[in-house]
Structure formats: C-alpha cells, structure tokens
Amino acid sequence: MAHIGVLALQGDYEKHSRSLARVGAQTSEVRTAAELEPCDGLVIPGGESTSMLKLLDREGLFEPLRRFGARKFIFGTCAGAILLATRVENPEQPSLGLVDIAVRRNAYGRQLDSRVASIAGVGFGSMEAVFIRAPIILSTGPAVRVLARYGNDPVLVEDGRHVVSTFHPELSNDDRVHAYFLKKVTG
C-alpha cells in the first residue's frame, strides 16, 4: 500500500487524507522533514501560498520538499500548485520550481468570486471543480500535459511525477483526481 503524506501546515489537509484513504492510500500528516521521508508521495493542499512559504521556512521544510520532489511524487492543489510552479505572479514569490508552469495568484478574483464549475478532463470526463481564490496557469512547458480545462485555462496538469490542480478536488465527493495521483505513485 502506498504511503501518501499530506502537508499539514495549513489548508484542508484532513479532507485530502480522507479522499486518499477512500482510494486505498495509507496517509499521514507531514509537518517535519523526518515525517516526509517515509512517504512515497505528498499532497500540498490549498491555503494561502505566502503564509505557507513562511511556515515552510519556519519549519525548515522548503529545501527538504524540493529534494523530495526531485525523486518522489507531489500533488499540489491551489496554493500547492503555486508552490510547485516555476514562475509565480501577482506578486512574484519564491517557489519550489518542480512543475514547468507559470501561474498568477488569485486570478479568478477574491473570495467572493469563488465558484463551483463543471470541467472536462482527459480520461476523467465531466467533474465538479471548486475554485477558491484560485490561480490561473498562464503557460505550460513542453513536457507538461494538460489533463483538464476550465474554459480555455488549464486547471489540472501533470509534469513527470507531479500533478497540480488550481481547484480543490478534496472539496467534492469525486475522488478521481486523488485516485489518478495514487495510480501515478504506485505505477
């Protein structure tokens, strides 16, 4: 059974853990570099990316996460997608640089502009997507595969071992995105 850690510094990490458990993963909450090591994969949940960067710095997790992502699987949602991107706008900020995408923070608007939308994905069909102060993926590198779009915008992509979504799949009753990530981890 694959062991998937869920970064538990901020965001709805408990809902990610429940989604992963429903699709057959063993999960644990990750708050330290030592807790990261036994994991086969990691989920970085949504939240507020600037606050998450401060917490990663305070806990000494930024570089361990980068090293983990160089050899293992990471799934980032919303703020997690921002942290995994190679370039971040609005404002510019540091990132792990593990997924070859450029993102603009809060691009769909403020909290009041949050929405639930139907998106279509490659191999997923139609699914519900919850967008909360979501980033937009402005560009993707040549190796990035778009798995789902909202309008013309990529909202679910993969780059090698890593998957990012600009929406919150943990907030729907549909576990297909978590199952997809688990399948990547288990091969």
Protein backbone atom coordinates (compact mmCIF):
# COMPACT_ATOMS: atom_id res chain seq x y z
CA MET A 1 0.00 0.00 0.00
CA ALA A 2 1.39 3.41 -0.98
CA HIS A 3 2.11 5.85 1.81
CA ILE A 4 0.98 9.38 0.88
CA GLY A 5 1.85 12.24 3.18
CA VAL A 6 -0.30 15.34 3.34
CA LEU A 7 1.48 18.58 4.23
CA ALA A 8 -0.38 19.64 7.37
CA LEU A 9 0.78 23.21 7.95
CA GLN A 10 -2.31 24.95 6.56
CA GLY A 11 -5.33 24.22 4.40
CA ASP A 12 -7.81 21.37 4.39
CA TYR A 13 -5.29 18.57 4.75
CA GLU A 14 -7.81 16.38 6.61
CA LYS A 15 -10.14 16.25 3.59
CA HIS A 16 -7.22 15.28 1.34
CA SER A 17 -6.37 12.48 3.78
CA ARG A 18 -9.96 11.21 3.69
CA SER A 19 -10.06 11.30 -0.14
CA LEU A 20 -6.77 9.41 -0.33
CA ALA A 21 -7.91 6.82 2.20
CA ARG A 22 -11.09 6.21 0.18
CA VAL A 23 -8.98 5.36 -2.89
CA GLY A 24 -6.73 2.99 -0.95
CA ALA A 25 -3.73 5.01 0.24
CA GLN A 26 -2.16 4.91 3.67
CA THR A 27 -1.86 8.56 4.77
CA SER A 28 -0.02 10.58 7.36
CA GLU A 29 0.19 14.25 8.22
CA VAL A 30 3.56 15.84 7.43
CA ARG A 31 4.88 18.76 9.47
CA THR A 32 8.62 17.97 9.59
CA ALA A 33 11.33 16.75 7.24
CA ALA A 34 11.54 13.50 9.23
CA GLU A 35 7.82 12.85 8.65
CA LEU A 36 8.33 13.44 4.92
CA GLU A 37 10.97 10.75 4.41
CA PRO A 38 8.86 7.55 4.67
CA CYS A 39 6.30 8.89 2.18
CA ASP A 40 6.04 7.60 -1.39
CA GLY A 41 4.17 10.74 -2.42
CA LEU A 42 2.95 14.02 -0.94
CA VAL A 43 -0.08 16.26 -1.28
CA ILE A 44 0.41 20.01 -0.79
CA PRO A 45 -3.09 21.35 -0.07
CA GLY A 46 -4.60 24.71 -0.81
CA GLY A 47 -4.35 27.57 1.65
CA GLU A 48 -2.53 30.88 1.32
CA SER A 49 0.77 30.46 -0.51
CA THR A 50 2.56 33.39 1.17
CA SER A 51 1.65 32.05 4.62
CA MET A 52 2.66 28.56 3.56
CA LEU A 53 6.07 29.83 2.44
CA LYS A 54 6.57 31.41 5.88
CA LEU A 55 5.56 28.17 7.60
CA LEU A 56 7.84 26.11 5.33
CA ASP A 57 10.69 28.45 6.19
CA ARG A 58 9.94 28.38 9.93
CA GLU A 59 9.78 24.55 9.94
CA GLY A 60 12.86 24.17 7.73
CA LEU A 61 10.83 22.32 5.09
CA PHE A 62 11.46 24.29 1.90
CA GLU A 63 14.67 22.52 0.81
CA PRO A 64 13.56 19.07 2.07
CA LEU A 65 10.39 19.46 -0.05
CA ARG A 66 12.44 20.42 -3.10
CA ARG A 67 14.71 17.37 -2.61
CA PHE A 68 11.67 15.12 -2.04
CA GLY A 69 10.08 16.37 -5.28
CA ALA A 70 13.29 15.69 -7.21
CA ARG A 71 12.82 11.95 -6.58
CA LYS A 72 9.22 11.33 -5.48
CA PHE A 73 5.65 12.32 -6.40
CA ILE A 74 3.86 15.54 -5.35
CA PHE A 75 0.26 16.63 -5.95
CA GLY A 76 -0.39 20.33 -5.30
CA THR A 77 -3.84 21.90 -5.18
CA CYS A 78 -4.47 25.65 -5.46
CA ALA A 79 -1.75 27.14 -3.19
CA GLY A 80 0.09 23.84 -3.62
CA ALA A 81 0.08 24.44 -7.37
CA ILE A 82 1.54 27.91 -6.77
CA LEU A 83 4.30 26.45 -4.58
CA LEU A 84 5.20 23.85 -7.23
CA ALA A 85 5.27 26.29 -10.19
CA THR A 86 8.46 27.54 -11.79
CA ARG A 87 7.15 31.13 -12.02
CA VAL A 88 4.64 32.99 -9.84
CA GLU A 89 2.99 36.38 -10.49
CA ASN A 90 0.71 38.73 -8.52
CA PRO A 91 3.04 39.20 -6.72
CA GLU A 92 6.19 37.32 -7.67
CA GLN A 93 7.27 34.97 -4.91
CA PRO A 94 9.66 32.06 -4.37
CA SER A 95 8.51 28.58 -5.32
CA LEU A 96 9.80 25.02 -5.38
CA GLY A 97 10.13 25.15 -9.19
CA LEU A 98 9.19 21.49 -9.66
CA VAL A 99 6.41 21.89 -12.27
CA ASP A 100 7.12 23.78 -15.50
CA ILE A 101 4.20 26.22 -15.30
CA ALA A 102 3.75 29.94 -14.75
CA VAL A 103 0.84 30.91 -12.50
CA ARG A 104 -0.94 34.10 -11.49
CA ARG A 105 -2.22 34.07 -7.90
CA ASN A 106 -5.91 34.88 -7.19
CA ALA A 107 -6.54 35.27 -10.91
CA TYR A 108 -10.23 34.36 -10.79
CA GLY A 109 -10.84 37.09 -8.22
CA ARG A 110 -11.27 37.42 -4.49
CA GLN A 111 -13.05 35.12 -2.04
CA LEU A 112 -16.45 36.39 -3.22
CA ASP A 113 -15.62 35.23 -6.74
CA SER A 114 -15.12 31.61 -5.65
CA ARG A 115 -17.24 29.13 -7.60
CA VAL A 116 -18.14 25.55 -8.33
CA ALA A 117 -17.88 24.72 -12.03
CA SER A 118 -18.09 21.71 -14.29
CA ILE A 119 -14.85 20.89 -16.07
CA ALA A 120 -13.95 18.24 -18.63
CA GLY A 121 -10.78 16.25 -18.27
CA VAL A 122 -8.76 13.83 -20.37
CA GLY A 123 -9.72 10.41 -19.05
CA PHE A 124 -11.92 11.96 -16.36
CA GLY A 125 -14.98 13.06 -18.29
CA SER A 126 -17.00 15.79 -16.62
CA MET A 127 -16.29 16.60 -12.97
CA GLU A 128 -17.13 19.22 -10.39
CA ALA A 129 -14.35 21.69 -9.57
CA VAL A 130 -14.34 24.02 -6.56
CA PHE A 131 -12.33 27.20 -7.21
CA ILE A 132 -11.47 29.34 -4.16
CA ARG A 133 -9.26 32.37 -4.87
CA ALA A 134 -7.72 30.13 -7.50
CA PRO A 135 -4.60 30.77 -9.52
CA ILE A 136 -4.59 30.63 -13.31
CA ILE A 137 -1.97 28.64 -15.17
CA LEU A 138 -0.59 31.20 -17.64
CA SER A 139 1.74 28.89 -19.52
CA THR A 140 2.98 25.33 -19.53
CA GLY A 141 6.34 23.92 -20.52
CA PRO A 142 6.75 21.45 -23.39
CA ALA A 143 6.65 18.34 -21.17
CA VAL A 144 3.53 19.43 -19.24
CA ARG A 145 0.37 17.51 -20.08
CA VAL A 146 -2.97 19.28 -19.64
CA LEU A 147 -5.48 16.88 -18.05
CA ALA A 148 -8.44 19.27 -17.63
CA ARG A 149 -9.52 22.78 -18.59
CA TYR A 150 -11.98 25.36 -17.32
CA GLY A 151 -12.89 27.33 -20.42
CA ASN A 152 -9.54 27.70 -22.17
CA ASP A 153 -7.46 27.64 -18.98
CA PRO A 154 -5.56 24.52 -17.90
CA VAL A 155 -6.72 23.63 -14.36
CA LEU A 156 -5.27 20.13 -13.93
CA VAL A 157 -1.83 19.31 -15.32
CA GLU A 158 0.97 16.82 -14.85
CA ASP A 159 4.69 17.25 -15.30
CA GLY A 160 6.56 13.97 -14.91
CA ARG A 161 5.90 12.70 -11.38
CA HIS A 162 3.94 15.76 -10.31
CA VAL A 163 0.29 16.78 -10.64
CA VAL A 164 -1.23 20.20 -9.91
CA SER A 165 -4.78 21.46 -9.86
CA THR A 166 -5.89 25.06 -9.49
CA PHE A 167 -9.15 23.81 -7.95
CA HIS A 168 -9.88 21.82 -4.77
CA PRO A 169 -10.75 18.20 -5.62
CA GLU A 170 -10.87 17.36 -1.91
CA LEU A 171 -13.98 19.56 -1.54
CA SER A 172 -16.11 17.47 -3.90
CA ASN A 173 -17.36 13.91 -3.46
CA ASP A 174 -15.41 12.86 -6.54
CA ASP A 175 -12.13 11.10 -5.71
CA ARG A 176 -10.96 10.54 -9.31
CA VAL A 177 -8.13 13.09 -9.15
CA HIS A 178 -6.79 11.59 -5.91
CA ALA A 179 -7.09 8.11 -7.46
CA TYR A 180 -5.17 9.35 -10.51
CA PHE A 181 -2.34 10.64 -8.30
CA LEU A 182 -2.25 7.41 -6.30
CA LYS A 183 -2.02 5.42 -9.54
CA LYS A 184 0.98 7.54 -10.61
CA VAL A 185 2.68 6.81 -7.28
CA THR A 186 2.04 3.06 -7.42
CA GLY A 187 2.95 2.79 -11.10
